[in-house]
Amino acid sequence: MSMAISGSGGAAAMTAMSGASTRMAPQQKMSALYNNIDTSGVGSVSQAQFNQAFQTLNPPAPFKAAGAQAVWGALDPSGSGQVSQSDFVNGMKNLMVQLRQGDSAGAAQTAAAGTQALRSLTS
């Protein structure tokens, strides 16, 4: 994913999303991504902020295939509408691990479970 959100981001952020750099550990990459999404620095990302970032970024194909709602659902299974940095980093790392292991079905299943949890809370 490339990172250009309302003038923030740049080359370092693009690297954080694409995973192209081997210089940063996954946790650092996800922390950098989170910091670029949390432009106000309040310590949590809203679903609207996440959706905007998802639309302006170039997420990896499995994330695109799952869609913003499913990925958000995996990051916010309680449906609170806010995700802390630690929840974001851990959730994205878990999804990326599943994808890197070639478990696209597992990642999609995790994302779908999050979406289902969100739906059940809003129904």
PDB file of N, CA and C in Angstrom:
ATOM      1  N   MET A   1       0.850  -1.169   0.000  1.00  0.00           N
ATOM      2  CA  MET A   1       0.000   0.000   0.000  1.00  0.00           C
ATOM      3  C   MET A   1       0.895   1.230   0.000  1.00  0.00           C
ATOM      4  N   SER A   2       0.547   2.208  -0.749  1.00  0.00           N
ATOM      5  CA  SER A   2       1.272   3.461  -0.675  1.00  0.00           C
ATOM      6  C   SER A   2       0.546   4.369   0.288  1.00  0.00           C
ATOM      7  N   MET A   3       1.233   5.314   0.881  1.00  0.00           N
ATOM      8  CA  MET A   3       0.668   6.097   1.958  1.00  0.00           C
ATOM      9  C   MET A   3       0.592   7.565   1.624  1.00  0.00           C
ATOM     10  N   ALA A   4      -0.443   8.041   1.031  1.00  0.00           N
ATOM     11  CA  ALA A   4      -0.588   9.475   0.819  1.00  0.00           C
ATOM     12  C   ALA A   4      -1.961   9.874   1.308  1.00  0.00           C
ATOM     13  N   ILE A   5      -2.057  10.224   2.576  1.00  0.00           N
ATOM     14  CA  ILE A   5      -3.331  10.596   3.165  1.00  0.00           C
ATOM     15  C   ILE A   5      -3.299  12.080   3.429  1.00  0.00           C
ATOM     16  N   SER A   6      -4.095  12.814   2.701  1.00  0.00           N
ATOM     17  CA  SER A   6      -4.223  14.254   2.902  1.00  0.00           C
ATOM     18  C   SER A   6      -2.880  14.940   3.120  1.00  0.00           C
ATOM     19  N   GLY A   7      -1.959  14.657   2.249  1.00  0.00           N
ATOM     20  CA  GLY A   7      -0.681  15.326   2.302  1.00  0.00           C
ATOM     21  C   GLY A   7       0.312  14.724   3.275  1.00  0.00           C
ATOM     22  N   SER A   8      -0.098  13.713   4.031  1.00  0.00           N
ATOM     23  CA  SER A   8       0.856  13.082   4.934  1.00  0.00           C
ATOM     24  C   SER A   8       1.355  11.810   4.287  1.00  0.00           C
ATOM     25  N   GLY A   9       2.403  11.291   4.803  1.00  0.00           N
ATOM     26  CA  GLY A   9       2.915  10.035   4.262  1.00  0.00           C
ATOM     27  C   GLY A   9       4.249  10.243   3.618  1.00  0.00           C
ATOM     28  N   GLY A  10       4.355   9.845   2.375  1.00  0.00           N
ATOM     29  CA  GLY A  10       5.602   9.972   1.662  1.00  0.00           C
ATOM     30  C   GLY A  10       6.246   8.623   1.457  1.00  0.00           C
ATOM     31  N   ALA A  11       7.508   8.645   1.093  1.00  0.00           N
ATOM     32  CA  ALA A  11       8.214   7.417   0.751  1.00  0.00           C
ATOM     33  C   ALA A  11       8.283   6.446   1.922  1.00  0.00           C
ATOM     34  N   ALA A  12       8.531   6.941   3.126  1.00  0.00           N
ATOM     35  CA  ALA A  12       8.620   6.039   4.278  1.00  0.00           C
ATOM     36  C   ALA A  12       7.292   5.355   4.520  1.00  0.00           C
ATOM     37  N   ALA A  13       6.215   6.077   4.367  1.00  0.00           N
ATOM     38  CA  ALA A  13       4.903   5.497   4.584  1.00  0.00           C
ATOM     39  C   ALA A  13       4.572   4.487   3.500  1.00  0.00           C
ATOM     40  N   MET A  14       4.981   4.767   2.263  1.00  0.00           N
ATOM     41  CA  MET A  14       4.721   3.818   1.186  1.00  0.00           C
ATOM     42  C   MET A  14       5.436   2.514   1.492  1.00  0.00           C
ATOM     43  N   THR A  15       6.637   2.591   2.001  1.00  0.00           N
ATOM     44  CA  THR A  15       7.376   1.406   2.368  1.00  0.00           C
ATOM     45  C   THR A  15       6.665   0.664   3.487  1.00  0.00           C
ATOM     46  N   ALA A  16       6.114   1.399   4.441  1.00  0.00           N
ATOM     47  CA  ALA A  16       5.417   0.764   5.562  1.00  0.00           C
ATOM     48  C   ALA A  16       4.249  -0.064   5.075  1.00  0.00           C
ATOM     49  N   MET A  17       3.554   0.388   4.058  1.00  0.00           N
ATOM     50  CA  MET A  17       2.399  -0.347   3.582  1.00  0.00           C
ATOM     51  C   MET A  17       2.774  -1.466   2.634  1.00  0.00           C
ATOM     52  N   SER A  18       3.730  -1.246   1.782  1.00  0.00           N
ATOM     53  CA  SER A  18       4.036  -2.231   0.768  1.00  0.00           C
ATOM     54  C   SER A  18       4.809  -3.416   1.324  1.00  0.00           C
ATOM     55  N   GLY A  19       5.486  -3.197   2.431  1.00  0.00           N
ATOM     56  CA  GLY A  19       6.318  -4.258   2.967  1.00  0.00           C
ATOM     57  C   GLY A  19       7.589  -4.428   2.148  1.00  0.00           C
ATOM     58  N   ALA A  20       7.868  -3.473   1.243  1.00  0.00           N
ATOM     59  CA  ALA A  20       8.995  -3.589   0.338  1.00  0.00           C
ATOM     60  C   ALA A  20      10.329  -3.434   1.050  1.00  0.00           C
ATOM     61  N   SER A  21      10.346  -2.771   2.160  1.00  0.00           N
ATOM     62  CA  SER A  21      11.601  -2.543   2.861  1.00  0.00           C
ATOM     63  C   SER A  21      11.854  -3.669   3.839  1.00  0.00           C
ATOM     64  N   THR A  22      13.072  -4.156   3.832  1.00  0.00           N
ATOM     65  CA  THR A  22      13.445  -5.161   4.819  1.00  0.00           C
ATOM     66  C   THR A  22      14.144  -4.497   5.996  1.00  0.00           C
ATOM     67  N   ARG A  23      14.258  -3.182   5.974  1.00  0.00           N
ATOM     68  CA  ARG A  23      14.932  -2.459   7.037  1.00  0.00           C
ATOM     69  C   ARG A  23      14.080  -2.339   8.289  1.00  0.00           C
ATOM     70  N   MET A  24      12.774  -2.413   8.162  1.00  0.00           N
ATOM     71  CA  MET A  24      11.891  -2.251   9.316  1.00  0.00           C
ATOM     72  C   MET A  24      11.208  -3.576   9.638  1.00  0.00           C
ATOM     73  N   ALA A  25      11.107  -3.856  10.916  1.00  0.00           N
ATOM     74  CA  ALA A  25      10.372  -5.041  11.357  1.00  0.00           C
ATOM     75  C   ALA A  25       8.884  -4.815  11.111  1.00  0.00           C
ATOM     76  N   PRO A  26       8.098  -5.884  10.957  1.00  0.00           N
ATOM     77  CA  PRO A  26       6.662  -5.723  10.705  1.00  0.00           C
ATOM     78  C   PRO A  26       5.967  -4.827  11.726  1.00  0.00           C
ATOM     79  N   GLN A  27       6.335  -4.961  12.996  1.00  0.00           N
ATOM     80  CA  GLN A  27       5.706  -4.130  14.024  1.00  0.00           C
ATOM     81  C   GLN A  27       6.002  -2.655  13.771  1.00  0.00           C
ATOM     82  N   GLN A  28       7.223  -2.348  13.370  1.00  0.00           N
ATOM     83  CA  GLN A  28       7.585  -0.964  13.069  1.00  0.00           C
ATOM     84  C   GLN A  28       6.825  -0.457  11.848  1.00  0.00           C
ATOM     85  N   LYS A  29       6.683  -1.311  10.849  1.00  0.00           N
ATOM     86  CA  LYS A  29       5.948  -0.921   9.639  1.00  0.00           C
ATOM     87  C   LYS A  29       4.496  -0.601   9.975  1.00  0.00           C
ATOM     88  N   MET A  30       3.879  -1.461  10.774  1.00  0.00           N
ATOM     89  CA  MET A  30       2.481  -1.251  11.126  1.00  0.00           C
ATOM     90  C   MET A  30       2.317  -0.047  12.045  1.00  0.00           C
ATOM     91  N   SER A  31       3.296   0.188  12.920  1.00  0.00           N
ATOM     92  CA  SER A  31       3.255   1.383  13.773  1.00  0.00           C
ATOM     93  C   SER A  31       3.370   2.648  12.930  1.00  0.00           C
ATOM     94  N   ALA A  32       4.252   2.623  11.929  1.00  0.00           N
ATOM     95  CA  ALA A  32       4.399   3.781  11.039  1.00  0.00           C
ATOM     96  C   ALA A  32       3.113   4.014  10.251  1.00  0.00           C
ATOM     97  N   LEU A  33       2.509   2.939   9.788  1.00  0.00           N
ATOM     98  CA  LEU A  33       1.241   3.062   9.063  1.00  0.00           C
ATOM     99  C   LEU A  33       0.178   3.659   9.975  1.00  0.00           C
ATOM    100  N   TYR A  34       0.076   3.126  11.181  1.00  0.00           N
ATOM    101  CA  TYR A  34      -0.912   3.629  12.135  1.00  0.00           C
ATOM    102  C   TYR A  34      -0.709   5.124  12.380  1.00  0.00           C
ATOM    103  N   ASN A  35       0.526   5.525  12.601  1.00  0.00           N
ATOM    104  CA  ASN A  35       0.821   6.938  12.859  1.00  0.00           C
ATOM    105  C   ASN A  35       0.444   7.821  11.684  1.00  0.00           C
ATOM    106  N   ASN A  36       0.546   7.296  10.473  1.00  0.00           N
ATOM    107  CA  ASN A  36       0.145   8.069   9.307  1.00  0.00           C
ATOM    108  C   ASN A  36      -1.373   8.148   9.168  1.00  0.00           C
ATOM    109  N   ILE A  37      -2.077   7.146   9.651  1.00  0.00           N
ATOM    110  CA  ILE A  37      -3.541   7.174   9.603  1.00  0.00           C
ATOM    111  C   ILE A  37      -4.086   8.055  10.731  1.00  0.00           C
ATOM    112  N   ASP A  38      -3.476   7.960  11.905  1.00  0.00           N
ATOM    113  CA  ASP A  38      -3.899   8.760  13.064  1.00  0.00           C
ATOM    114  C   ASP A  38      -3.265  10.151  12.952  1.00  0.00           C
ATOM    115  N   THR A  39      -3.711  10.900  11.961  1.00  0.00           N
ATOM    116  CA  THR A  39      -3.110  12.207  11.674  1.00  0.00           C
ATOM    117  C   THR A  39      -3.323  13.209  12.803  1.00  0.00           C
ATOM    118  N   SER A  40      -4.372  13.034  13.609  1.00  0.00           N
ATOM    119  CA  SER A  40      -4.614  13.955  14.714  1.00  0.00           C
ATOM    120  C   SER A  40      -3.813  13.579  15.953  1.00  0.00           C
ATOM    121  N   GLY A  41      -3.263  12.375  15.982  1.00  0.00           N
ATOM    122  CA  GLY A  41      -2.443  11.944  17.106  1.00  0.00           C
ATOM    123  C   GLY A  41      -3.216  11.684  18.382  1.00  0.00           C
ATOM    124  N   VAL A  42      -4.505  11.339  18.274  1.00  0.00           N
ATOM    125  CA  VAL A  42      -5.321  11.134  19.471  1.00  0.00           C
ATOM    126  C   VAL A  42      -5.143   9.756  20.104  1.00  0.00           C
ATOM    127  N   GLY A  43      -4.454   8.858  19.433  1.00  0.00           N
ATOM    128  CA  GLY A  43      -4.205   7.545  20.013  1.00  0.00           C
ATOM    129  C   GLY A  43      -5.202   6.482  19.620  1.00  0.00           C
ATOM    130  N   SER A  44      -6.120   6.819  18.733  1.00  0.00           N
ATOM    131  CA  SER A  44      -7.021   5.812  18.191  1.00  0.00           C
ATOM    132  C   SER A  44      -7.391   6.210  16.766  1.00  0.00           C
ATOM    133  N   VAL A  45      -7.711   5.219  15.974  1.00  0.00           N
ATOM    134  CA  VAL A  45      -8.113   5.427  14.591  1.00  0.00           C
ATOM    135  C   VAL A  45      -9.578   5.064  14.486  1.00  0.00           C
ATOM    136  N   SER A  46     -10.338   5.930  13.855  1.00  0.00           N
ATOM    137  CA  SER A  46     -11.759   5.646  13.645  1.00  0.00           C
ATOM    138  C   SER A  46     -11.939   4.852  12.356  1.00  0.00           C
ATOM    139  N   GLN A  47     -13.110   4.282  12.218  1.00  0.00           N
ATOM    140  CA  GLN A  47     -13.397   3.539  11.003  1.00  0.00           C
ATOM    141  C   GLN A  47     -13.356   4.467   9.792  1.00  0.00           C
ATOM    142  N   ALA A  48     -13.809   5.696   9.940  1.00  0.00           N
ATOM    143  CA  ALA A  48     -13.776   6.653   8.829  1.00  0.00           C
ATOM    144  C   ALA A  48     -12.337   6.940   8.408  1.00  0.00           C
ATOM    145  N   GLN A  49     -11.445   7.129   9.373  1.00  0.00           N
ATOM    146  CA  GLN A  49     -10.030   7.356   9.052  1.00  0.00           C
ATOM    147  C   GLN A  49      -9.441   6.144   8.339  1.00  0.00           C
ATOM    148  N   PHE A  50      -9.764   4.958   8.844  1.00  0.00           N
ATOM    149  CA  PHE A  50      -9.263   3.738   8.237  1.00  0.00           C
ATOM    150  C   PHE A  50      -9.782   3.598   6.812  1.00  0.00           C
ATOM    151  N   ASN A  51     -11.081   3.834   6.624  1.00  0.00           N
ATOM    152  CA  ASN A  51     -11.664   3.717   5.278  1.00  0.00           C
ATOM    153  C   ASN A  51     -11.021   4.687   4.308  1.00  0.00           C
ATOM    154  N   GLN A  52     -10.769   5.918   4.757  1.00  0.00           N
ATOM    155  CA  GLN A  52     -10.120   6.900   3.901  1.00  0.00           C
ATOM    156  C   GLN A  52      -8.723   6.405   3.510  1.00  0.00           C
ATOM    157  N   ALA A  53      -7.982   5.906   4.481  1.00  0.00           N
ATOM    158  CA  ALA A  53      -6.637   5.398   4.207  1.00  0.00           C
ATOM    159  C   ALA A  53      -6.697   4.211   3.259  1.00  0.00           C
ATOM    160  N   PHE A  54      -7.645   3.323   3.470  1.00  0.00           N
ATOM    161  CA  PHE A  54      -7.770   2.135   2.628  1.00  0.00           C
ATOM    162  C   PHE A  54      -8.053   2.542   1.182  1.00  0.00           C
ATOM    163  N   GLN A  55      -8.856   3.579   0.998  1.00  0.00           N
ATOM    164  CA  GLN A  55      -9.199   4.035  -0.350  1.00  0.00           C
ATOM    165  C   GLN A  55      -8.046   4.763  -1.030  1.00  0.00           C
ATOM    166  N   THR A  56      -7.216   5.460  -0.265  1.00  0.00           N
ATOM    167  CA  THR A  56      -6.143   6.243  -0.868  1.00  0.00           C
ATOM    168  C   THR A  56      -4.841   5.469  -0.958  1.00  0.00           C
ATOM    169  N   LEU A  57      -4.805   4.292  -0.382  1.00  0.00           N
ATOM    170  CA  LEU A  57      -3.606   3.458  -0.404  1.00  0.00           C
ATOM    171  C   LEU A  57      -3.733   2.406  -1.489  1.00  0.00           C
ATOM    172  N   ASN A  58      -2.676   1.716  -1.699  1.00  0.00           N
ATOM    173  CA  ASN A  58      -2.696   0.580  -2.613  1.00  0.00           C
ATOM    174  C   ASN A  58      -2.445  -0.669  -1.782  1.00  0.00           C
ATOM    175  N   PRO A  59      -3.499  -1.174  -1.113  1.00  0.00           N
ATOM    176  CA  PRO A  59      -3.287  -2.334  -0.235  1.00  0.00           C
ATOM    177  C   PRO A  59      -2.903  -3.573  -1.038  1.00  0.00           C
ATOM    178  N   PRO A  60      -2.214  -4.508  -0.389  1.00  0.00           N
ATOM    179  CA  PRO A  60      -1.904  -5.781  -1.058  1.00  0.00           C
ATOM    180  C   PRO A  60      -3.192  -6.451  -1.548  1.00  0.00           C
ATOM    181  N   ALA A  61      -3.075  -7.230  -2.601  1.00  0.00           N
ATOM    182  CA  ALA A  61      -4.245  -7.855  -3.245  1.00  0.00           C
ATOM    183  C   ALA A  61      -5.168  -8.589  -2.273  1.00  0.00           C
ATOM    184  N   PRO A  62      -4.646  -9.396  -1.331  1.00  0.00           N
ATOM    185  CA  PRO A  62      -5.573 -10.087  -0.422  1.00  0.00           C
ATOM    186  C   PRO A  62      -6.386  -9.126   0.440  1.00  0.00           C
ATOM    187  N   PHE A  63      -5.780  -7.999   0.825  1.00  0.00           N
ATOM    188  CA  PHE A  63      -6.515  -7.000   1.590  1.00  0.00           C
ATOM    189  C   PHE A  63      -7.574  -6.343   0.712  1.00  0.00           C
ATOM    190  N   LYS A  64      -7.197  -6.028  -0.537  1.00  0.00           N
ATOM    191  CA  LYS A  64      -8.169  -5.457  -1.480  1.00  0.00           C
ATOM    192  C   LYS A  64      -9.335  -6.411  -1.671  1.00  0.00           C
ATOM    193  N   ALA A  65      -9.004  -7.687  -1.846  1.00  0.00           N
ATOM    194  CA  ALA A  65     -10.042  -8.690  -2.076  1.00  0.00           C
ATOM    195  C   ALA A  65     -10.994  -8.795  -0.891  1.00  0.00           C
ATOM    196  N   ALA A  66     -10.457  -8.709   0.306  1.00  0.00           N
ATOM    197  CA  ALA A  66     -11.295  -8.788   1.512  1.00  0.00           C
ATOM    198  C   ALA A  66     -12.132  -7.528   1.659  1.00  0.00           C
ATOM    199  N   GLY A  67     -11.548  -6.378   1.308  1.00  0.00           N
ATOM    200  CA  GLY A  67     -12.261  -5.108   1.418  1.00  0.00           C
ATOM    201  C   GLY A  67     -12.034  -4.433   2.754  1.00  0.00           C
ATOM    202  N   ALA A  68     -12.245  -3.125   2.748  1.00  0.00           N
ATOM    203  CA  ALA A  68     -12.001  -2.311   3.942  1.00  0.00           C
ATOM    204  C   ALA A  68     -12.862  -2.759   5.117  1.00  0.00           C
ATOM    205  N   GLN A  69     -14.128  -3.067   4.863  1.00  0.00           N
ATOM    206  CA  GLN A  69     -15.031  -3.471   5.954  1.00  0.00           C
ATOM    207  C   GLN A  69     -14.540  -4.724   6.649  1.00  0.00           C
ATOM    208  N   ALA A  70     -14.111  -5.710   5.868  1.00  0.00           N
ATOM    209  CA  ALA A  70     -13.662  -6.975   6.458  1.00  0.00           C
ATOM    210  C   ALA A  70     -12.370  -6.785   7.250  1.00  0.00           C
ATOM    211  N   VAL A  71     -11.437  -6.012   6.700  1.00  0.00           N
ATOM    212  CA  VAL A  71     -10.188  -5.771   7.416  1.00  0.00           C
ATOM    213  C   VAL A  71     -10.467  -4.997   8.695  1.00  0.00           C
ATOM    214  N   TRP A  72     -11.311  -3.965   8.583  1.00  0.00           N
ATOM    215  CA  TRP A  72     -11.669  -3.196   9.785  1.00  0.00           C
ATOM    216  C   TRP A  72     -12.334  -4.100  10.822  1.00  0.00           C
ATOM    217  N   GLY A  73     -13.209  -4.975  10.365  1.00  0.00           N
ATOM    218  CA  GLY A  73     -13.885  -5.891  11.273  1.00  0.00           C
ATOM    219  C   GLY A  73     -12.912  -6.779  12.033  1.00  0.00           C
ATOM    220  N   ALA A  74     -11.819  -7.171  11.366  1.00  0.00           N
ATOM    221  CA  ALA A  74     -10.804  -7.977  12.036  1.00  0.00           C
ATOM    222  C   ALA A  74     -10.021  -7.140  13.047  1.00  0.00           C
ATOM    223  N   LEU A  75      -9.851  -5.850  12.756  1.00  0.00           N
ATOM    224  CA  LEU A  75      -9.113  -4.971  13.664  1.00  0.00           C
ATOM    225  C   LEU A  75      -9.970  -4.523  14.847  1.00  0.00           C
ATOM    226  N   ASP A  76     -11.268  -4.437  14.632  1.00  0.00           N
ATOM    227  CA  ASP A  76     -12.205  -3.944  15.654  1.00  0.00           C
ATOM    228  C   ASP A  76     -13.333  -4.947  15.859  1.00  0.00           C
ATOM    229  N   PRO A  77     -13.012  -6.152  16.333  1.00  0.00           N
ATOM    230  CA  PRO A  77     -14.054  -7.179  16.462  1.00  0.00           C
ATOM    231  C   PRO A  77     -15.142  -6.822  17.463  1.00  0.00           C
ATOM    232  N   SER A  78     -14.871  -5.923  18.401  1.00  0.00           N
ATOM    233  CA  SER A  78     -15.888  -5.540  19.378  1.00  0.00           C
ATOM    234  C   SER A  78     -16.863  -4.523  18.806  1.00  0.00           C
ATOM    235  N   GLY A  79     -16.505  -3.935  17.664  1.00  0.00           N
ATOM    236  CA  GLY A  79     -17.390  -2.957  17.044  1.00  0.00           C
ATOM    237  C   GLY A  79     -17.410  -1.614  17.735  1.00  0.00           C
ATOM    238  N   SER A  80     -16.346  -1.267  18.420  1.00  0.00           N
ATOM    239  CA  SER A  80     -16.303  -0.003  19.154  1.00  0.00           C
ATOM    240  C   SER A  80     -16.205   1.212  18.241  1.00  0.00           C
ATOM    241  N   GLY A  81     -15.733   1.010  17.019  1.00  0.00           N
ATOM    242  CA  GLY A  81     -15.574   2.122  16.091  1.00  0.00           C
ATOM    243  C   GLY A  81     -14.236   2.815  16.210  1.00  0.00           C
ATOM    244  N   GLN A  82     -13.410   2.377  17.145  1.00  0.00           N
ATOM    245  CA  GLN A  82     -12.080   2.942  17.365  1.00  0.00           C
ATOM    246  C   GLN A  82     -11.086   1.800  17.549  1.00  0.00           C
ATOM    247  N   VAL A  83      -9.879   1.985  17.046  1.00  0.00           N
ATOM    248  CA  VAL A  83      -8.830   0.985  17.215  1.00  0.00           C
ATOM    249  C   VAL A  83      -7.590   1.681  17.750  1.00  0.00           C
ATOM    250  N   SER A  84      -7.075   1.166  18.850  1.00  0.00           N
ATOM    251  CA  SER A  84      -5.850   1.713  19.433  1.00  0.00           C
ATOM    252  C   SER A  84      -4.657   1.289  18.581  1.00  0.00           C
ATOM    253  N   GLN A  85      -3.532   1.916  18.835  1.00  0.00           N
ATOM    254  CA  GLN A  85      -2.331   1.570  18.079  1.00  0.00           C
ATOM    255  C   GLN A  85      -1.945   0.115  18.312  1.00  0.00           C
ATOM    256  N   SER A  86      -1.984  -0.339  19.553  1.00  0.00           N
ATOM    257  CA  SER A  86      -1.578  -1.721  19.823  1.00  0.00           C
ATOM    258  C   SER A  86      -2.532  -2.717  19.159  1.00  0.00           C
ATOM    259  N   ASP A  87      -3.841  -2.452  19.192  1.00  0.00           N
ATOM    260  CA  ASP A  87      -4.792  -3.345  18.529  1.00  0.00           C
ATOM    261  C   ASP A  87      -4.588  -3.336  17.022  1.00  0.00           C
ATOM    262  N   PHE A  88      -4.309  -2.164  16.451  1.00  0.00           N
ATOM    263  CA  PHE A  88      -4.075  -2.041  15.016  1.00  0.00           C
ATOM    264  C   PHE A  88      -2.821  -2.822  14.626  1.00  0.00           C
ATOM    265  N   VAL A  89      -1.741  -2.570  15.340  1.00  0.00           N
ATOM    266  CA  VAL A  89      -0.470  -3.224  15.019  1.00  0.00           C
ATOM    267  C   VAL A  89      -0.603  -4.734  15.141  1.00  0.00           C
ATOM    268  N   ASN A  90      -1.165  -5.207  16.246  1.00  0.00           N
ATOM    269  CA  ASN A  90      -1.316  -6.651  16.445  1.00  0.00           C
ATOM    270  C   ASN A  90      -2.258  -7.268  15.428  1.00  0.00           C
ATOM    271  N   GLY A  91      -3.371  -6.600  15.157  1.00  0.00           N
ATOM    272  CA  GLY A  91      -4.330  -7.121  14.181  1.00  0.00           C
ATOM    273  C   GLY A  91      -3.754  -7.201  12.780  1.00  0.00           C
ATOM    274  N   MET A  92      -3.052  -6.152  12.364  1.00  0.00           N
ATOM    275  CA  MET A  92      -2.448  -6.154  11.036  1.00  0.00           C
ATOM    276  C   MET A  92      -1.323  -7.183  10.950  1.00  0.00           C
ATOM    277  N   LYS A  93      -0.535  -7.312  12.009  1.00  0.00           N
ATOM    278  CA  LYS A  93       0.527  -8.320  12.017  1.00  0.00           C
ATOM    279  C   LYS A  93      -0.071  -9.715  11.878  1.00  0.00           C
ATOM    280  N   ASN A  94      -1.145  -9.983  12.605  1.00  0.00           N
ATOM    281  CA  ASN A  94      -1.782 -11.300  12.520  1.00  0.00           C
ATOM    282  C   ASN A  94      -2.306 -11.575  11.114  1.00  0.00           C
ATOM    283  N   LEU A  95      -2.948 -10.584  10.514  1.00  0.00           N
ATOM    284  CA  LEU A  95      -3.444 -10.764   9.147  1.00  0.00           C
ATOM    285  C   LEU A  95      -2.292 -10.970   8.171  1.00  0.00           C
ATOM    286  N   MET A  96      -1.219 -10.187   8.329  1.00  0.00           N
ATOM    287  CA  MET A  96      -0.068 -10.319   7.427  1.00  0.00           C
ATOM    288  C   MET A  96       0.619 -11.669   7.593  1.00  0.00           C
ATOM    289  N   VAL A  97       0.721 -12.167   8.819  1.00  0.00           N
ATOM    290  CA  VAL A  97       1.328 -13.481   9.041  1.00  0.00           C
ATOM    291  C   VAL A  97       0.529 -14.537   8.296  1.00  0.00           C
ATOM    292  N   GLN A  98      -0.779 -14.471   8.408  1.00  0.00           N
ATOM    293  CA  GLN A  98      -1.617 -15.440   7.709  1.00  0.00           C
ATOM    294  C   GLN A  98      -1.421 -15.338   6.202  1.00  0.00           C
ATOM    295  N   LEU A  99      -1.325 -14.118   5.693  1.00  0.00           N
ATOM    296  CA  LEU A  99      -1.133 -13.934   4.261  1.00  0.00           C
ATOM    297  C   LEU A  99       0.239 -14.428   3.815  1.00  0.00           C
ATOM    298  N   ARG A 100       1.256 -14.138   4.593  1.00  0.00           N
ATOM    299  CA  ARG A 100       2.612 -14.569   4.228  1.00  0.00           C
ATOM    300  C   ARG A 100       2.756 -16.075   4.273  1.00  0.00           C
ATOM    301  N   GLN A 101       2.006 -16.728   5.120  1.00  0.00           N
ATOM    302  CA  GLN A 101       2.045 -18.186   5.201  1.00  0.00           C
ATOM    303  C   GLN A 101       1.225 -18.805   4.085  1.00  0.00           C
ATOM    304  N   GLY A 102       0.686 -17.960   3.218  1.00  0.00           N
ATOM    305  CA  GLY A 102      -0.107 -18.461   2.116  1.00  0.00           C
ATOM    306  C   GLY A 102      -1.505 -18.854   2.535  1.00  0.00           C
ATOM    307  N   ASP A 103      -1.917 -18.373   3.688  1.00  0.00           N
ATOM    308  CA  ASP A 103      -3.233 -18.722   4.212  1.00  0.00           C
ATOM    309  C   ASP A 103      -4.217 -17.601   3.920  1.00  0.00           C
ATOM    310  N   SER A 104      -4.406 -17.314   2.640  1.00  0.00           N
ATOM    311  CA  SER A 104      -5.348 -16.274   2.264  1.00  0.00           C
ATOM    312  C   SER A 104      -6.742 -16.606   2.772  1.00  0.00           C
ATOM    313  N   ALA A 105      -7.085 -17.881   2.733  1.00  0.00           N
ATOM    314  CA  ALA A 105      -8.400 -18.284   3.221  1.00  0.00           C
ATOM    315  C   ALA A 105      -8.520 -17.997   4.708  1.00  0.00           C
ATOM    316  N   GLY A 106      -7.444 -18.270   5.463  1.00  0.00           N
ATOM    317  CA  GLY A 106      -7.460 -18.000   6.897  1.00  0.00           C
ATOM    318  C   GLY A 106      -7.560 -16.522   7.199  1.00  0.00           C
ATOM    319  N   ALA A 107      -6.832 -15.711   6.439  1.00  0.00           N
ATOM    320  CA  ALA A 107      -6.897 -14.264   6.632  1.00  0.00           C
ATOM    321  C   ALA A 107      -8.282 -13.756   6.291  1.00  0.00           C
ATOM    322  N   ALA A 108      -8.832 -14.239   5.196  1.00  0.00           N
ATOM    323  CA  ALA A 108     -10.178 -13.828   4.808  1.00  0.00           C
ATOM    324  C   ALA A 108     -11.190 -14.282   5.852  1.00  0.00           C
ATOM    325  N   GLN A 109     -10.972 -15.473   6.397  1.00  0.00           N
ATOM    326  CA  GLN A 109     -11.866 -16.003   7.422  1.00  0.00           C
ATOM    327  C   GLN A 109     -11.792 -15.140   8.684  1.00  0.00           C
ATOM    328  N   THR A 110     -10.583 -14.741   9.071  1.00  0.00           N
ATOM    329  CA  THR A 110     -10.416 -13.869  10.226  1.00  0.00           C
ATOM    330  C   THR A 110     -11.114 -12.535   9.994  1.00  0.00           C
ATOM    331  N   ALA A 111     -10.921 -11.976   8.810  1.00  0.00           N
ATOM    332  CA  ALA A 111     -11.563 -10.710   8.470  1.00  0.00           C
ATOM    333  C   ALA A 111     -13.078 -10.875   8.432  1.00  0.00           C
ATOM    334  N   ALA A 112     -13.552 -11.977   7.873  1.00  0.00           N
ATOM    335  CA  ALA A 112     -14.993 -12.218   7.806  1.00  0.00           C
ATOM    336  C   ALA A 112     -15.584 -12.377   9.202  1.00  0.00           C
ATOM    337  N   ALA A 113     -14.853 -13.035  10.093  1.00  0.00           N
ATOM    338  CA  ALA A 113     -15.331 -13.196  11.470  1.00  0.00           C
ATOM    339  C   ALA A 113     -15.457 -11.840  12.148  1.00  0.00           C
ATOM    340  N   GLY A 114     -14.491 -10.966  11.894  1.00  0.00           N
ATOM    341  CA  GLY A 114     -14.565  -9.618  12.451  1.00  0.00           C
ATOM    342  C   GLY A 114     -15.754  -8.855  11.907  1.00  0.00           C
ATOM    343  N   THR A 115     -15.997  -8.999  10.614  1.00  0.00           N
ATOM    344  CA  THR A 115     -17.141  -8.336  10.000  1.00  0.00           C
ATOM    345  C   THR A 115     -18.443  -8.877  10.578  1.00  0.00           C
ATOM    346  N   GLN A 116     -18.522 -10.186  10.765  1.00  0.00           N
ATOM    347  CA  GLN A 116     -19.716 -10.790  11.330  1.00  0.00           C
ATOM    348  C   GLN A 116     -19.960 -10.283  12.747  1.00  0.00           C
ATOM    349  N   ALA A 117     -18.890 -10.151  13.521  1.00  0.00           N
ATOM    350  CA  ALA A 117     -19.028  -9.631  14.880  1.00  0.00           C
ATOM    351  C   ALA A 117     -19.554  -8.212  14.861  1.00  0.00           C
ATOM    352  N   LEU A 118     -19.043  -7.420  13.934  1.00  0.00           N
ATOM    353  CA  LEU A 118     -19.493  -6.032  13.800  1.00  0.00           C
ATOM    354  C   LEU A 118     -20.970  -5.985  13.415  1.00  0.00           C
ATOM    355  N   ARG A 119     -21.365  -6.815  12.474  1.00  0.00           N
ATOM    356  CA  ARG A 119     -22.754  -6.852  12.058  1.00  0.00           C
ATOM    357  C   ARG A 119     -23.677  -7.239  13.199  1.00  0.00           C
ATOM    358  N   SER A 120     -23.244  -8.227  13.997  1.00  0.00           N
ATOM    359  CA  SER A 120     -24.099  -8.687  15.082  1.00  0.00           C
ATOM    360  C   SER A 120     -24.267  -7.597  16.145  1.00  0.00           C
ATOM    361  N   LEU A 121     -23.266  -6.746  16.307  1.00  0.00           N
ATOM    362  CA  LEU A 121     -23.365  -5.667  17.275  1.00  0.00           C
ATOM    363  C   LEU A 121     -24.235  -4.516  16.780  1.00  0.00           C
ATOM    364  N   THR A 122     -24.307  -4.342  15.473  1.00  0.00           N
ATOM    365  CA  THR A 122     -25.066  -3.233  14.916  1.00  0.00           C
ATOM    366  C   THR A 122     -26.469  -3.627  14.489  1.00  0.00           C
ATOM    367  N   SER A 123     -26.800  -4.907  14.605  1.00  0.00           N
ATOM    368  CA  SER A 123     -28.141  -5.368  14.206  1.00  0.00           C
ATOM    369  C   SER A 123     -29.135  -5.230  15.325  1.00  0.00           C
TER     370      SER A 123
END
